[in-house]
Amino acid sequence: MDYKFGNIDLHVHSTASDGSLDPLEILTIAKKAGLKAIALTDHDSIEGAQKILAHPHLLGPVKFLTGVEISVSPPDFFSVSGSFHILGYGIDVDHPDLNQILRKQQDARKNRNPGIIARLNELGFDMSLDEVISASEDKAQIGRPHIARVMVKKGFARSIDDAFDAYLGKGKPAYIDKPRVDTAKAIELIRLAGGIPILAHPGLLEVIDFDAYEYLLSELVPMGLMGVEVYYPNHSAEETDFFAELAERFGLLVTGGSDFHGAINPEIQLGSGKGDLAVPYILYERLAYEISLLKSSESSP
């Protein structure tokens, strides 16, 4: 299959989590970029997807999938220090069980922020949570990127990356681990909400070797995992080819996206990542088809 030409982005973040752009602003950019389909996959939040669904007339020619990116704890059988997330596509944004667990995640995230600020104060940085909230576009979803922006504004860091590398990243002086959902539970919730669970950016898992991925999927597929995010800006060509082969071997769906956050991570552009990402429309079609099959099976007597 020729993946040179792409025109979809299935991994996008808005102000509903840690992105800098409102969901409706993202639609405008998607149309200008000529994208044919996008999915909003905010961290532990579906508020952005709900907002887009409330304004369907703004979609125009762009196809839209509801989505979420759930922060999960690595399974007991799999030791990993990287970023472990499960994406969910085509979810019912009104599903009560999913909403309940996401609200718990968001509350825990809010409780994390004062602790991070307190640690920064102990390190000699004069800043407050009120400053971070005031500087944020969305007062309800504050996180480390917003704290980093205030640090840059006040001259405590040269850039957002510098703030993370020196203070806010994992293992750094002001880091506090974020709340996570059990992997099996996250997959189950996505399936219960009528969605497709996908392993996000496997290349960020920092495993020992490629054999570990095969072992991981052999355990996650029986839990209900249905796909792998193969196309991602930080995946090398070797990783992309390997993940595509692994998905085929396990009979899994293939997805891809930029992990767009707007000004929070300016080197990543919607639809094209660092300039060399191309995710073809056929992957959206396959995903949408599987979602339709799930919904039709649910409605059958």
Foldseek 3Di string as FASTA:
>chain_A
DDQQAFAEFAAAEALQAQFQHQLLVVLVQSVVVRHQEYEYAYELDQVSVVVCVVPVVSNPRHHYKYKYKFFADDDPVADFDFGWIKMKINFQNPDVVSNVVSVVQLVQQVVLVQQLVVQVVVVPDDDHPVVLLVQGPDNSHGHLLSVLVVCCVVPVAVASVRCCVAADPPPHRSHDDGDHHHLLVVLVVSVVRLIAIETEPPVRRPDPDPVSVLVSCVVVVVSPHAYYALFEQPADPVSSVSRVVSCVVVVHQYHYHQNHRPPSDPCQDGQQRNNRTHTHPVSVVVRVVVSVVSVVVVPDD
